[in-house]
Protein backbone atom coordinates (compact mmCIF):
# COMPACT_ATOMS: atom_id res chain seq x y z
CA UNK A 1 -164.88 139.71 49.58
CA UNK A 2 -167.89 137.70 50.92
CA UNK A 3 -169.03 134.18 50.00
CA UNK A 4 -172.74 133.29 50.79
CA UNK A 5 -173.40 129.60 51.45
CA UNK A 6 -176.94 128.29 50.81
CA UNK A 7 -177.86 124.67 51.72
CA UNK A 8 -180.91 122.57 52.71
CA UNK A 9 -179.12 121.60 55.84
CA UNK A 10 -178.73 125.16 56.90
CA UNK A 11 -181.73 126.98 58.27
CA UNK A 12 -180.40 130.25 57.05
CA UNK A 13 -177.79 131.32 54.51
CA UNK A 14 -174.27 131.91 55.81
CA UNK A 15 -171.92 134.60 54.66
CA UNK A 16 -168.15 134.07 54.81
CA UNK A 17 -165.94 137.08 54.59
CA UNK A 18 -162.49 136.43 52.94
CA UNK A 19 -159.79 138.89 53.77
CA UNK A 20 -156.70 139.53 51.57
CA UNK A 21 -154.39 137.83 54.02
CA UNK A 22 -156.54 134.72 53.62
CA UNK A 23 -155.64 134.63 49.91
CA UNK A 24 -151.98 135.21 50.63
CA UNK A 25 -151.96 132.44 53.22
CA UNK A 26 -153.67 130.03 50.82
CA UNK A 27 -151.21 130.82 48.02
CA UNK A 28 -148.29 130.32 50.39
CA UNK A 29 -149.70 127.01 51.59
CA UNK A 30 -150.21 125.85 47.99
CA UNK A 31 -146.61 126.74 47.18
CA UNK A 32 -145.29 124.84 50.18
CA UNK A 33 -147.46 121.83 49.25
CA UNK A 34 -146.23 121.90 45.65
CA UNK A 35 -142.58 122.12 46.73
CA UNK A 36 -143.06 119.29 49.22
CA UNK A 37 -144.68 117.04 46.60
CA UNK A 38 -141.86 117.79 44.10
CA UNK A 39 -139.18 116.99 46.69
CA UNK A 40 -140.93 113.79 47.63
CA UNK A 41 -141.24 112.78 43.98
CA UNK A 42 -137.54 113.46 43.38
CA UNK A 43 -136.53 111.51 46.47
CA UNK A 44 -138.67 108.54 45.48
CA UNK A 45 -137.36 108.68 41.91
CA UNK A 46 -133.71 108.72 42.98
CA UNK A 47 -134.22 106.06 45.56
CA UNK A 48 -135.98 103.62 43.25
CA UNK A 49 -134.36 104.62 39.96
CA UNK A 50 -132.01 101.61 40.02
CA UNK A 51 -135.08 99.34 40.00
CA UNK A 52 -137.10 100.74 37.12
CA UNK A 53 -135.71 103.94 35.57
CA UNK A 54 -131.82 103.72 35.49
CA UNK A 55 -131.43 100.92 32.88
CA UNK A 56 -133.47 102.85 30.35
CA UNK A 57 -131.50 106.02 31.00
CA UNK A 58 -128.21 104.11 30.80
CA UNK A 59 -129.22 102.65 27.45
CA UNK A 60 -129.91 106.11 26.05
CA UNK A 61 -126.64 107.51 27.41
CA UNK A 62 -124.65 104.46 26.24
CA UNK A 63 -126.13 104.62 22.76
CA UNK A 64 -125.32 108.33 22.49
CA UNK A 65 -121.78 107.71 23.81
CA UNK A 66 -121.18 104.81 21.37
CA UNK A 67 -122.39 106.90 18.45
CA UNK A 68 -120.02 109.71 19.43
CA UNK A 69 -117.13 107.25 19.81
CA UNK A 70 -117.84 105.78 16.37
CA UNK A 71 -117.87 109.23 14.81
CA UNK A 72 -114.56 110.03 16.51
CA UNK A 73 -113.02 106.73 15.36
CA UNK A 74 -114.13 107.31 11.78
CA UNK A 75 -112.69 110.84 11.85
CA UNK A 76 -109.39 109.65 13.30
CA UNK A 77 -109.20 106.72 10.86
CA UNK A 78 -109.83 108.98 7.88
CA UNK A 79 -107.16 111.42 9.05
CA UNK A 80 -104.71 108.59 9.68
CA UNK A 81 -105.35 107.17 6.21
CA UNK A 82 -104.80 110.59 4.67
CA UNK A 83 -101.59 111.09 6.62
CA UNK A 84 -100.42 107.58 5.70
CA UNK A 85 -100.97 108.31 2.00
CA UNK A 86 -99.05 111.58 2.26
CA UNK A 87 -96.29 109.87 4.23
CA UNK A 88 -96.03 107.21 1.53
CA UNK A 89 -95.81 109.89 -1.14
CA UNK A 90 -93.04 111.67 0.77
CA UNK A 91 -91.18 108.40 1.25
CA UNK A 92 -91.36 107.78 -2.48
CA UNK A 93 -90.07 111.29 -3.12
CA UNK A 94 -87.22 110.72 -0.66
CA UNK A 95 -86.28 107.50 -2.47
CA UNK A 96 -86.32 109.38 -5.78
CA UNK A 97 -84.15 112.13 -4.32
CA UNK A 98 -81.73 109.57 -2.88
CA UNK A 99 -81.45 107.80 -6.24
CA UNK A 100 -81.09 111.09 -8.06
CA UNK A 101 -78.46 112.26 -5.58
CA UNK A 102 -76.46 109.06 -6.14
CA UNK A 103 -76.58 109.58 -9.89
CA UNK A 104 -75.53 113.20 -9.52
CA UNK A 105 -72.64 112.20 -7.24
CA UNK A 106 -71.51 109.66 -9.81
CA UNK A 107 -71.75 112.19 -12.65
CA UNK A 108 -69.89 114.82 -10.65
CA UNK A 109 -67.25 112.37 -9.45
CA UNK A 110 -68.14 112.88 -5.79
CA UNK A 111 -68.09 110.01 -3.34
CA UNK A 112 -71.56 109.33 -1.92
CA UNK A 113 -71.93 110.05 1.80
CA UNK A 114 -71.79 107.23 4.28
CA UNK A 115 -75.20 105.82 5.24
CA UNK A 116 -76.65 107.33 8.38
CA UNK A 117 -77.06 105.05 11.37
CA UNK A 118 -80.82 105.20 11.88
CA UNK A 119 -80.70 102.84 14.87
CA UNK A 120 -79.16 105.57 17.03
CA UNK A 121 -81.00 108.87 16.76
CA UNK A 122 -78.82 111.95 16.30
CA UNK A 123 -78.15 114.15 19.30
CA UNK A 124 -80.47 117.11 19.75
CA UNK A 125 -80.99 119.66 22.49
CA UNK A 126 -81.37 123.27 23.53
CA UNK A 127 -83.38 125.32 26.01
CA UNK A 128 -87.17 125.03 26.00
CA UNK A 129 -88.16 128.56 25.03
CA UNK A 130 -91.83 128.11 24.18
CA UNK A 131 -93.90 124.95 24.25
CA UNK A 132 -96.85 124.58 21.94
CA UNK A 133 -99.16 121.64 21.31
CA UNK A 134 -99.12 120.55 17.68
CA UNK A 135 -102.65 120.06 16.43
CA UNK A 136 -103.71 117.71 13.64
CA UNK A 137 -104.28 120.68 11.34
CA UNK A 138 -100.81 122.05 12.06
CA UNK A 139 -99.28 118.62 11.45
CA UNK A 140 -101.11 118.28 8.13
CA UNK A 141 -99.97 121.76 7.10
CA UNK A 142 -96.34 120.97 7.96
CA UNK A 143 -96.50 117.70 6.02
CA UNK A 144 -97.89 119.57 3.01
CA UNK A 145 -95.11 122.16 3.19
CA UNK A 146 -92.53 119.39 3.50
CA UNK A 147 -94.03 117.59 0.50
CA UNK A 148 -93.93 120.80 -1.55
CA UNK A 149 -90.27 121.34 -0.61
CA UNK A 150 -89.46 117.77 -1.65
CA UNK A 151 -91.13 118.34 -5.03
CA UNK A 152 -89.18 121.56 -5.59
CA UNK A 153 -85.93 119.86 -4.58
CA UNK A 154 -86.69 116.97 -6.93
CA UNK A 155 -87.26 119.37 -9.82
CA UNK A 156 -84.09 121.31 -8.97
CA UNK A 157 -81.93 118.18 -8.82
CA UNK A 158 -83.52 116.98 -12.06
CA UNK A 159 -82.40 120.16 -13.80
CA UNK A 160 -78.87 119.73 -12.42
CA UNK A 161 -78.79 116.13 -13.64
CA UNK A 162 -79.90 117.21 -17.12
CA UNK A 163 -77.13 119.80 -17.24
CA UNK A 164 -74.53 117.29 -16.04
CA UNK A 165 -75.70 114.72 -18.57
CA UNK A 166 -75.49 117.34 -21.30
CA UNK A 167 -71.97 118.28 -20.22
CA UNK A 168 -70.96 114.63 -20.05
CA UNK A 169 -72.42 113.97 -23.49
CA UNK A 170 -70.59 117.00 -24.86
CA UNK A 171 -67.33 115.91 -23.25
CA UNK A 172 -67.69 112.47 -24.81
CA UNK A 173 -67.51 114.19 -28.22
CA UNK A 174 -64.25 115.99 -27.38
CA UNK A 175 -60.93 114.11 -27.80
CA UNK A 176 -60.26 113.53 -24.13
CA UNK A 177 -58.85 109.99 -24.16
CA UNK A 178 -55.35 108.94 -25.22
CA UNK A 179 -55.63 106.97 -28.47
CA UNK A 180 -52.90 104.53 -27.42
CA UNK A 181 -52.46 103.18 -23.91
CA UNK A 182 -48.94 102.43 -22.79
CA UNK A 183 -47.18 103.96 -25.79
CA UNK A 184 -44.56 106.71 -25.76
CA UNK A 185 -46.67 109.85 -25.90
CA UNK A 186 -45.80 112.65 -28.31
CA UNK A 187 -42.68 111.08 -29.77
CA UNK A 188 -42.95 113.62 -32.57
CA UNK A 189 -44.93 116.74 -31.72
CA UNK A 190 -47.25 119.02 -33.63
CA UNK A 191 -45.69 121.76 -35.75
CA UNK A 192 -42.62 122.32 -37.87
CA UNK A 193 -39.97 119.59 -37.85
CA UNK A 194 -37.26 117.98 -39.98
CA UNK A 195 -38.91 115.43 -42.27
CA UNK A 196 -37.49 111.94 -41.53
CA UNK A 197 -37.45 110.97 -45.22
CA UNK A 198 -35.93 113.93 -47.10
CA UNK A 199 -34.46 116.01 -44.27
CA UNK A 200 -36.35 119.16 -45.25
CA UNK A 201 -38.29 121.43 -42.93
CA UNK A 202 -41.94 120.32 -43.05
CA UNK A 203 -45.18 120.74 -41.13
CA UNK A 204 -46.23 117.82 -38.90
CA UNK A 205 -50.01 118.09 -38.47
CA UNK A 206 -50.35 115.61 -35.63
CA UNK A 207 -48.53 113.83 -32.82
CA UNK A 208 -46.91 110.39 -32.90
CA UNK A 209 -47.28 107.59 -30.34
CA UNK A 210 -44.52 104.98 -30.50
CA UNK A 211 -45.94 101.52 -29.74
CA UNK A 212 -45.42 97.98 -30.89
CA UNK A 213 -47.36 96.49 -33.77
CA UNK A 214 -50.75 95.21 -32.66
CA UNK A 215 -51.18 97.70 -29.78
CA UNK A 216 -54.88 98.64 -29.62
CA UNK A 217 -55.90 102.01 -31.07
CA UNK A 218 -58.89 103.46 -29.25
CA UNK A 219 -61.24 106.29 -30.19
CA UNK A 220 -60.31 109.51 -28.38
CA UNK A 221 -63.96 110.62 -28.52
CA UNK A 222 -67.34 109.33 -29.59
CA UNK A 223 -68.46 109.90 -33.13
CA UNK A 224 -69.15 108.43 -36.57
CA UNK A 225 -66.50 106.78 -38.71
CA UNK A 226 -66.25 108.68 -42.00
CA UNK A 227 -63.10 107.02 -43.39
CA UNK A 228 -61.49 103.62 -42.86
CA UNK A 229 -59.22 102.83 -45.79
CA UNK A 230 -55.68 102.90 -47.13
CA UNK A 231 -54.02 106.24 -47.94
CA UNK A 232 -50.58 106.52 -49.61
CA UNK A 233 -49.24 108.86 -46.93
CA UNK A 234 -51.34 107.85 -43.90
CA UNK A 235 -51.35 104.12 -44.67
CA UNK A 236 -54.35 102.41 -43.07
CA UNK A 237 -56.19 105.45 -41.76
CA UNK A 238 -59.38 106.00 -39.76
CA UNK A 239 -61.20 109.32 -39.54
CA UNK A 240 -63.99 109.95 -37.03
CA UNK A 241 -66.44 112.86 -37.16
CA UNK A 242 -67.37 114.11 -33.66
CA UNK A 243 -69.78 116.82 -34.76
CA UNK A 244 -69.44 120.60 -34.61
CA UNK A 245 -66.81 120.38 -37.41
CA UNK A 246 -64.47 118.42 -35.09
CA UNK A 247 -62.76 115.25 -36.35
CA UNK A 248 -59.80 113.00 -35.49
CA UNK A 249 -57.47 110.85 -37.64
CA UNK A 250 -55.60 107.68 -36.75
CA UNK A 251 -52.88 106.69 -39.27
CA UNK A 252 -50.35 103.91 -40.08
CA UNK A 253 -52.56 101.20 -38.53
CA UNK A 254 -51.78 97.55 -39.19
CA UNK A 255 -55.42 96.60 -38.83
CA UNK A 256 -58.78 98.40 -39.06
CA UNK A 257 -61.65 97.25 -36.83
CA UNK A 258 -64.26 99.72 -38.03
CA UNK A 259 -65.97 100.63 -41.30
CA UNK A 260 -67.41 103.92 -42.58
CA UNK A 261 -70.78 104.75 -41.04
CA UNK A 262 -70.14 102.97 -37.74
CA UNK A 263 -70.92 104.81 -34.51
CA UNK A 264 -68.10 104.44 -31.99
CA UNK A 265 -67.93 105.40 -28.34
CA UNK A 266 -65.03 107.02 -26.55
CA UNK A 267 -62.45 104.41 -25.54
CA UNK A 268 -63.65 101.83 -28.09
CA UNK A 269 -60.98 99.85 -29.97
CA UNK A 270 -60.97 100.88 -33.63
CA UNK A 271 -57.72 99.35 -34.90
CA UNK A 272 -54.17 98.24 -34.13
CA UNK A 273 -50.84 100.07 -34.33
CA UNK A 274 -48.71 99.40 -37.40
CA UNK A 275 -46.23 101.00 -39.79
CA UNK A 276 -48.20 101.28 -43.03
CA UNK A 277 -47.92 104.22 -45.41
CA UNK A 278 -45.23 106.87 -45.06
CA UNK A 279 -43.74 105.58 -41.82
CA UNK A 280 -40.27 104.73 -40.51
CA UNK A 281 -41.46 102.32 -37.82
CA UNK A 282 -44.43 101.16 -35.71
CA UNK A 283 -46.31 104.11 -34.28
CA UNK A 284 -49.68 105.87 -34.36
CA UNK A 285 -50.01 109.22 -36.06
CA UNK A 286 -52.91 111.09 -34.41
CA UNK A 287 -54.53 114.30 -35.67
CA UNK A 288 -57.29 116.61 -34.47
CA UNK A 289 -58.99 118.79 -37.09
CA UNK A 290 -61.60 121.55 -36.83
CA UNK A 291 -63.31 122.45 -40.08
CA UNK A 292 -60.61 120.45 -41.83
CA UNK A 293 -57.78 122.51 -40.33
CA UNK A 294 -55.21 120.63 -38.26
CA UNK A 295 -55.09 121.61 -34.58
CA UNK A 296 -52.52 120.84 -31.93
CA UNK A 297 -53.78 117.61 -30.30
CA UNK A 298 -51.66 118.46 -27.27
CA UNK A 299 -54.23 120.96 -25.99
CA UNK A 300 -56.68 118.04 -25.73
CA UNK A 301 -54.40 115.14 -24.89
CA UNK A 302 -52.55 116.93 -22.09
CA UNK A 303 -55.94 117.34 -20.42
CA UNK A 304 -56.74 113.67 -20.97
CA UNK A 305 -53.43 112.61 -19.42
CA UNK A 306 -53.84 114.92 -16.41
CA UNK A 307 -57.51 113.96 -15.98
CA UNK A 308 -58.71 117.48 -15.12
CA UNK A 309 -62.48 117.83 -15.77
CA UNK A 310 -62.34 121.64 -15.66
CA UNK A 311 -59.61 121.64 -18.27
CA UNK A 312 -61.64 119.28 -20.43
CA UNK A 313 -64.49 121.78 -20.34
CA UNK A 314 -62.02 124.46 -21.42
CA UNK A 315 -60.90 122.25 -24.29
CA UNK A 316 -64.50 121.78 -25.32
CA UNK A 317 -65.01 125.55 -25.36
CA UNK A 318 -61.93 125.88 -27.55
CA UNK A 319 -63.47 123.46 -30.01
CA UNK A 320 -66.76 125.33 -29.89
CA UNK A 321 -65.09 128.65 -30.75
CA UNK A 322 -63.37 127.22 -33.81
């Protein structure tokens, strides 16, 4: 390639011939110049950055870092608040379970366990088989599973308590308490005997408790008083209806402390021992009747004297089958 130069200062035109290596050399020189200028600019920038550029850069970096820290703090705070709420809910469920367990132990007649010494942690150990870092998501999932298990356990114990309360309420309606405390039990038993007045063989439809006049008579079971009056044979007599066609009678009392229609609880004083009616001396004549038919009170009172809960349940089933 040729370049022709024309000028007033030149007498004649000049022709310059440019070879390809000239172009390559010029391009290489331009590249070296550009690289040198860039290196010089970078050196000057780094050397004098602390005077005019670094504060601005630091402000941008600090602002970005503070914004990231704030976002992280908000995220952590929200997660902590959520975990605190769930922890509070689980603590409330644990308190409910503890209270429910105490009630169940009382209903079942089981002594509550001794309180655990929380000051000294229990001993734990074992080989380290596999170590894994527990993430926040894993912790939240485990807390949710634990909360669900607590809810299921609460429901399960609630059902058990309902059943125990039902059994206890049913037992309170079965004659399971001695009607006289401290008296001679079963002085005259249930069944055929020699009548103390005429000497003939006669049916005795109850059991007799020999006690002094004025000894408290207590209800053998909870129920409603259906009779509290004088009877020629029974004397001052009380009859209590316990439901399911089950009733009890208390005869020869010297004093009546209840009236018809009253609701009495098991163990409540309803009268005092006497010798009214067809009686040879102070005592309580006690009867248990199912559908008006006299039953042997011994099958109930023996259980009351021995204090066997399982046997009381059996006595209740006997009453249910009648």
